[in-house]
Amino acid sequence: MLEFFKKNHLFNSLLLLPYALILRLAVLIFPQARIPGEIYGHWGKEIILSVQQWGLGSYLLATFLVFIQAAIVNRLYIKQSMIGEINLFPGLSYILLTALHPAFIDFSSILLANTTLMIGLGYLFDILKKERQEENRFMVGWWFGVSGLLYTPYLVLLIFGLISMSILKTLKIKDIFQYLTGYLSPFIISGLVQIIVRKDPVPSFLDAFDTFGIPQFTSFQNVADIITVFIMGLLLVVSLLGYTQLIARKNIHAQKKIDTIYALVFFSVIMALFPLKISVQFLMVLILPFSLFLAILLRLIRYPAIAESIHFILFVAAVISQILFVI
């Protein structure tokens, strides 16, 4: 099946939509396999809750959004020369990982925030270009700020953005100011709207820090939880141990960009301090970076049969984790 996604053609890209639908078929057909997506952010609560009332429509919308995100991921990593060759493996990997657990599949705050995070990463990588640097730094901050408002743990992107820009190039005071201006703008707008509409001068997004601290961990008892935690943990170990291979034969700019994705994985530890309880849904913060790592690993495997086997195992694991909620 991987052969269909080795070429970056329009038809091949469109195949990712039926691929996503087939992969999520059990959840789409059987209501008992559905788990409501997590709503955890200052922006979009009412909209997400309303969409989740659509039943099957909510899952179809989430699937279409994942398809769009897969297209953005492919464009992002191909444009920035981070894969090593032009293929659709990053988007394929993203769709695959977002179907690993039924809790990942519904419309949720983090699914929505991942879209703005991807856009922000695109501007982040573009700061290496000589043109429009001021605009790029402002837009990085803007989209990271919006991501934090959509999904509370993404407030950590404030620090991540500064660290990442310093990895990519030397920062000056004006660069930091431009970034912070962009990051704070959505919060200022949100606060002004709250003052005007709700007559409340205290910004409600400050409540995000009420539960900040060491979280409680929900028990992972069912097989779907165990499968998902095992696969995500295995991907983490492989990506850390295989760092040298992942950046091999890439230019210095591509290596720096991959380093920022590793930094995003590191900052997921800090993100875990926001929720009161950590469930399997939190692992979705790792899907975006892991989609890159998995795509590069699939490309590096010399024997197509082995790569196909890995893909097949992950595909079957995702289907089984959904079916377990049906039987």
Protein backbone atom coordinates (compact mmCIF):
# COMPACT_ATOMS: atom_id res chain seq x y z
CA MET A 1 0.00 0.00 0.00
CA LEU A 2 2.89 2.37 0.68
CA GLU A 3 3.65 2.36 -3.04
CA PHE A 4 0.51 4.46 -3.63
CA PHE A 5 1.94 7.26 -1.47
CA LYS A 6 5.51 7.40 -2.74
CA LYS A 7 4.61 10.03 -5.33
CA ASN A 8 3.38 13.53 -4.58
CA HIS A 9 0.62 13.67 -7.18
CA LEU A 10 -2.87 15.13 -6.75
CA PHE A 11 -4.57 11.76 -7.25
CA ASN A 12 -2.29 10.10 -4.70
CA SER A 13 -2.97 12.89 -2.22
CA LEU A 14 -6.73 12.50 -2.67
CA LEU A 15 -6.37 8.79 -1.85
CA LEU A 16 -5.58 9.81 1.73
CA LEU A 17 -9.26 10.66 2.27
CA PRO A 18 -10.66 7.17 1.56
CA TYR A 19 -7.65 5.79 3.45
CA ALA A 20 -8.71 7.81 6.51
CA LEU A 21 -12.34 6.73 6.14
CA ILE A 22 -11.43 3.05 5.89
CA LEU A 23 -9.07 3.31 8.84
CA ARG A 24 -11.81 4.85 11.02
CA LEU A 25 -14.61 2.64 9.68
CA ALA A 26 -15.40 0.84 12.94
CA VAL A 27 -15.92 4.09 14.84
CA LEU A 28 -17.91 5.60 11.97
CA ILE A 29 -20.29 2.63 11.78
CA PHE A 30 -20.71 1.61 15.43
CA PRO A 31 -21.80 4.33 17.91
CA GLN A 32 -20.66 2.21 20.88
CA ALA A 33 -17.05 2.57 19.71
CA ARG A 34 -17.14 6.37 19.94
CA ILE A 35 -15.48 8.36 22.70
CA PRO A 36 -16.19 12.12 22.92
CA GLY A 37 -13.17 14.27 22.07
CA GLU A 38 -11.58 16.29 24.85
CA ILE A 39 -12.64 19.94 25.14
CA TYR A 40 -9.85 21.80 26.88
CA GLY A 41 -9.24 25.36 25.76
CA HIS A 42 -10.38 28.96 26.12
CA TRP A 43 -11.53 29.30 22.51
CA GLY A 44 -13.97 27.06 20.66
CA LYS A 45 -15.62 25.27 23.60
CA GLU A 46 -19.18 25.99 22.49
CA ILE A 47 -18.45 25.23 18.84
CA ILE A 48 -16.71 21.93 19.58
CA LEU A 49 -19.44 20.86 22.00
CA SER A 50 -22.08 21.72 19.40
CA VAL A 51 -20.29 19.74 16.69
CA GLN A 52 -19.97 16.72 18.97
CA GLN A 53 -23.77 16.64 19.20
CA TRP A 54 -23.90 15.79 15.49
CA GLY A 55 -23.09 12.14 16.20
CA LEU A 56 -21.75 10.58 13.01
CA GLY A 57 -21.40 14.05 11.49
CA SER A 58 -18.86 14.99 14.15
CA TYR A 59 -16.64 12.03 13.23
CA LEU A 60 -16.98 12.69 9.52
CA LEU A 61 -16.00 16.32 10.04
CA ALA A 62 -13.04 15.25 12.19
CA THR A 63 -11.97 12.77 9.50
CA PHE A 64 -12.13 15.46 6.81
CA LEU A 65 -10.14 17.81 9.06
CA VAL A 66 -7.50 15.11 9.55
CA PHE A 67 -7.33 14.71 5.76
CA ILE A 68 -6.74 18.47 5.39
CA GLN A 69 -4.12 18.35 8.15
CA ALA A 70 -2.39 15.45 6.38
CA ALA A 71 -2.18 17.60 3.24
CA ILE A 72 -0.72 20.47 5.30
CA VAL A 73 1.79 18.09 6.93
CA ASN A 74 2.90 16.75 3.55
CA ARG A 75 3.32 20.24 2.13
CA LEU A 76 5.14 21.43 5.25
CA TYR A 77 7.71 18.64 5.39
CA ILE A 78 8.21 18.44 1.63
CA LYS A 79 8.63 22.20 1.25
CA GLN A 80 11.17 22.28 4.07
CA SER A 81 13.11 19.26 2.68
CA MET A 82 12.79 17.38 5.97
CA ILE A 83 11.96 13.91 4.64
CA GLY A 84 14.86 13.29 2.30
CA GLU A 85 12.68 12.66 -0.74
CA ILE A 86 9.28 13.77 -2.02
CA ASN A 87 6.56 11.40 -0.83
CA LEU A 88 3.28 11.44 1.09
CA PHE A 89 4.48 9.36 4.05
CA PRO A 90 4.18 12.18 6.63
CA GLY A 91 0.47 12.70 5.90
CA LEU A 92 -0.09 8.96 5.77
CA SER A 93 1.63 8.57 9.14
CA TYR A 94 -0.41 11.42 10.61
CA ILE A 95 -3.71 9.84 9.55
CA LEU A 96 -2.55 6.47 10.84
CA LEU A 97 -1.53 7.77 14.27
CA THR A 98 -4.73 9.82 14.70
CA ALA A 99 -6.70 6.56 14.35
CA LEU A 100 -4.71 4.55 16.89
CA HIS A 101 -7.33 5.01 19.62
CA PRO A 102 -11.07 5.82 19.48
CA ALA A 103 -10.40 8.75 21.83
CA PHE A 104 -8.32 10.37 19.05
CA ILE A 105 -11.00 10.24 16.38
CA ASP A 106 -13.74 12.64 17.45
CA PHE A 107 -13.70 16.41 16.93
CA SER A 108 -11.73 17.92 19.85
CA SER A 109 -9.77 20.93 21.06
CA ILE A 110 -6.39 19.41 20.30
CA LEU A 111 -7.46 18.30 16.82
CA LEU A 112 -8.49 21.86 16.04
CA ALA A 113 -5.35 23.32 17.64
CA ASN A 114 -3.09 21.02 15.63
CA THR A 115 -4.22 22.84 12.49
CA THR A 116 -3.04 26.22 13.76
CA LEU A 117 0.13 24.62 15.14
CA MET A 118 0.97 23.28 11.67
CA ILE A 119 0.45 26.73 10.17
CA GLY A 120 2.67 28.23 12.87
CA LEU A 121 5.41 25.70 12.14
CA GLY A 122 5.30 26.69 8.48
CA TYR A 123 6.01 30.32 9.39
CA LEU A 124 8.61 29.18 11.94
CA PHE A 125 10.65 27.34 9.33
CA ASP A 126 10.33 30.27 6.92
CA ILE A 127 12.27 32.58 9.23
CA LEU A 128 15.41 31.11 7.67
CA LYS A 129 14.49 32.95 4.48
CA LYS A 130 15.81 36.46 3.95
CA GLU A 131 12.52 37.96 2.81
CA ARG A 132 9.53 38.83 5.04
CA GLN A 133 11.34 37.88 8.26
CA GLU A 134 9.43 40.39 10.40
CA GLU A 135 6.09 39.11 9.13
CA ASN A 136 7.12 35.48 9.63
CA ARG A 137 8.16 36.04 13.26
CA PHE A 138 4.92 37.86 14.01
CA MET A 139 2.83 35.12 12.38
CA VAL A 140 4.70 32.38 14.27
CA GLY A 141 3.73 34.08 17.50
CA TRP A 142 0.15 34.70 16.33
CA TRP A 143 -0.56 31.08 15.35
CA PHE A 144 1.16 29.67 18.43
CA GLY A 145 -0.95 32.03 20.57
CA VAL A 146 -4.13 30.88 18.83
CA SER A 147 -3.06 27.27 19.39
CA GLY A 148 -2.71 27.95 23.11
CA LEU A 149 -6.19 29.46 23.25
CA LEU A 150 -7.68 26.49 21.41
CA TYR A 151 -5.88 23.83 23.51
CA THR A 152 -4.61 24.98 26.91
CA PRO A 153 -1.40 22.87 27.15
CA TYR A 154 -0.24 24.54 23.93
CA LEU A 155 0.35 27.71 25.96
CA VAL A 156 3.82 26.19 26.35
CA LEU A 157 4.39 27.06 22.68
CA LEU A 158 5.34 30.55 23.91
CA ILE A 159 8.66 29.21 25.17
CA PHE A 160 8.92 26.57 22.46
CA GLY A 161 8.76 29.30 19.80
CA LEU A 162 11.65 31.23 21.35
CA ILE A 163 13.78 28.10 21.74
CA SER A 164 13.00 26.95 18.21
CA MET A 165 13.84 30.29 16.63
CA SER A 166 17.15 30.30 18.51
CA ILE A 167 17.86 26.81 17.12
CA LEU A 168 17.16 27.95 13.59
CA LYS A 169 19.12 31.23 13.75
CA THR A 170 20.60 33.75 16.16
CA LEU A 171 17.92 35.88 17.80
CA LYS A 172 18.07 39.61 18.33
CA ILE A 173 16.00 41.70 20.73
CA LYS A 174 13.79 42.98 17.90
CA ASP A 175 13.16 39.38 16.77
CA ILE A 176 11.91 38.43 20.23
CA PHE A 177 9.76 41.57 20.38
CA GLN A 178 8.16 40.80 17.00
CA TYR A 179 7.44 37.22 18.07
CA LEU A 180 5.99 38.22 21.45
CA THR A 181 3.84 40.89 19.80
CA GLY A 182 2.33 38.24 17.56
CA TYR A 183 1.88 35.77 20.41
CA LEU A 184 0.15 38.23 22.74
CA SER A 185 -2.16 39.68 20.07
CA PRO A 186 -4.78 36.86 20.21
CA PHE A 187 -4.85 37.10 24.01
CA ILE A 188 -5.32 40.88 23.91
CA ILE A 189 -8.14 40.52 21.38
CA SER A 190 -9.72 37.77 23.47
CA GLY A 191 -9.51 39.90 26.61
CA LEU A 192 -11.02 42.95 24.90
CA VAL A 193 -13.91 40.87 23.52
CA GLN A 194 -14.54 39.49 26.99
CA ILE A 195 -14.59 42.97 28.53
CA ILE A 196 -16.97 44.30 25.86
CA VAL A 197 -19.31 41.31 25.61
CA ARG A 198 -19.25 39.84 29.12
CA LYS A 199 -18.33 42.98 31.07
CA ASP A 200 -15.68 40.93 32.85
CA PRO A 201 -12.26 42.65 33.21
CA VAL A 202 -10.47 39.49 34.41
CA PRO A 203 -9.26 37.39 31.43
CA SER A 204 -10.74 33.91 31.71
CA PHE A 205 -7.70 32.25 30.08
CA LEU A 206 -5.80 32.87 33.33
CA ASP A 207 -7.84 29.97 34.77
CA ALA A 208 -5.60 27.68 32.72
CA PHE A 209 -3.00 27.80 35.49
CA ASP A 210 -5.41 26.76 38.26
CA THR A 211 -4.54 23.08 37.78
CA PHE A 212 -0.90 23.59 36.79
CA GLY A 213 1.29 21.06 38.57
CA ILE A 214 2.01 17.34 38.77
CA PRO A 215 -1.03 15.63 37.21
CA GLN A 216 -2.77 12.42 38.15
CA PHE A 217 -2.58 9.56 35.66
CA THR A 218 -5.69 7.64 34.75
CA SER A 219 -5.20 3.89 34.71
CA PHE A 220 -4.63 2.30 31.31
CA GLN A 221 -6.61 -0.88 31.71
CA ASN A 222 -8.34 -1.72 28.43
CA VAL A 223 -6.44 -3.26 25.55
CA ALA A 224 -6.90 -0.22 23.29
CA ASP A 225 -5.13 1.99 25.86
CA ILE A 226 -2.30 -0.51 26.22
CA ILE A 227 -1.84 -0.85 22.45
CA THR A 228 -1.76 2.93 21.95
CA VAL A 229 0.62 3.62 24.85
CA PHE A 230 2.92 0.82 23.71
CA ILE A 231 3.09 2.02 20.09
CA MET A 232 3.59 5.68 21.04
CA GLY A 233 6.23 4.69 23.59
CA LEU A 234 8.00 2.54 21.00
CA LEU A 235 7.98 5.40 18.49
CA LEU A 236 9.45 7.69 21.15
CA VAL A 237 12.29 5.26 21.92
CA VAL A 238 13.03 4.59 18.25
CA SER A 239 13.02 8.30 17.36
CA LEU A 240 15.39 9.13 20.23
CA LEU A 241 17.78 6.26 19.55
CA GLY A 242 17.61 6.83 15.80
CA TYR A 243 18.26 10.57 15.89
CA THR A 244 21.53 10.24 13.94
CA GLN A 245 19.84 8.27 11.17
CA LEU A 246 16.88 10.66 11.02
CA ILE A 247 19.05 13.70 10.32
CA ALA A 248 21.62 11.86 8.17
CA ARG A 249 22.21 13.13 4.62
CA LYS A 250 20.18 16.28 5.19
CA ASN A 251 21.42 19.83 4.79
CA ILE A 252 22.12 21.92 7.87
CA HIS A 253 18.84 23.83 7.58
CA ALA A 254 16.79 20.61 7.42
CA GLN A 255 18.69 19.26 10.44
CA LYS A 256 17.87 22.37 12.45
CA LYS A 257 14.21 22.08 11.52
CA ILE A 258 14.13 18.45 12.63
CA ASP A 259 15.78 19.54 15.89
CA THR A 260 12.86 21.90 16.50
CA ILE A 261 10.46 18.95 16.09
CA TYR A 262 12.46 17.08 18.73
CA ALA A 263 12.14 20.16 20.93
CA LEU A 264 8.36 19.94 20.50
CA VAL A 265 8.48 16.40 21.87
CA PHE A 266 10.48 17.65 24.86
CA PHE A 267 7.96 20.43 25.55
CA SER A 268 5.15 17.86 25.63
CA VAL A 269 6.47 16.96 29.10
CA ILE A 270 5.75 20.51 30.26
CA MET A 271 2.36 20.40 28.54
CA ALA A 272 1.48 17.46 30.79
CA LEU A 273 1.55 19.81 33.79
CA PHE A 274 -1.63 21.62 32.70
CA PRO A 275 -4.36 18.93 32.90
CA LEU A 276 -5.58 17.76 36.27
CA LYS A 277 -5.58 14.20 34.97
CA ILE A 278 -3.61 12.66 32.12
CA SER A 279 -5.50 10.20 29.94
CA VAL A 280 -4.60 8.46 26.70
CA GLN A 281 -6.03 11.45 24.77
CA PHE A 282 -3.06 13.57 25.85
CA LEU A 283 -0.79 11.44 23.64
CA MET A 284 -2.24 13.33 20.68
CA VAL A 285 0.31 16.09 21.36
CA LEU A 286 2.95 13.67 20.05
CA ILE A 287 1.20 12.75 16.81
CA LEU A 288 2.49 15.70 14.76
CA PRO A 289 6.21 15.16 15.53
CA PHE A 290 5.87 11.37 15.39
CA SER A 291 4.33 11.59 11.92
CA LEU A 292 7.63 13.07 10.70
CA PHE A 293 9.78 10.53 12.52
CA LEU A 294 7.70 7.58 11.29
CA ALA A 295 7.73 8.91 7.71
CA ILE A 296 11.52 9.20 7.69
CA LEU A 297 11.92 5.74 9.24
CA LEU A 298 9.65 4.18 6.60
CA ARG A 299 11.71 5.86 3.90
CA LEU A 300 15.02 4.70 5.39
CA ILE A 301 14.05 1.02 5.43
CA ARG A 302 15.78 -0.61 2.48
CA TYR A 303 13.41 -3.50 2.01
CA PRO A 304 9.87 -2.51 0.95
CA ALA A 305 8.42 -5.68 2.49
CA ILE A 306 9.61 -4.63 5.96
CA ALA A 307 8.19 -1.11 5.56
CA GLU A 308 4.89 -2.56 4.35
CA SER A 309 4.84 -4.92 7.33
CA ILE A 310 5.33 -2.06 9.78
CA HIS A 311 2.55 -0.11 8.11
CA PHE A 312 0.27 -3.17 8.14
CA ILE A 313 0.92 -3.79 11.86
CA LEU A 314 0.07 -0.18 12.73
CA PHE A 315 -3.02 -0.29 10.50
CA VAL A 316 -4.28 -3.49 12.14
CA ALA A 317 -3.50 -2.14 15.63
CA ALA A 318 -5.63 0.95 14.91
CA VAL A 319 -8.54 -1.14 13.62
CA ILE A 320 -8.34 -3.57 16.54
CA SER A 321 -8.32 -0.75 19.12
CA GLN A 322 -11.60 0.50 17.64
CA ILE A 323 -13.22 -2.92 17.29
CA LEU A 324 -12.47 -3.70 20.96
CA PHE A 325 -14.97 -1.03 21.93
CA VAL A 326 -17.63 -2.71 19.81
CA ILE A 327 -17.38 -6.32 21.00
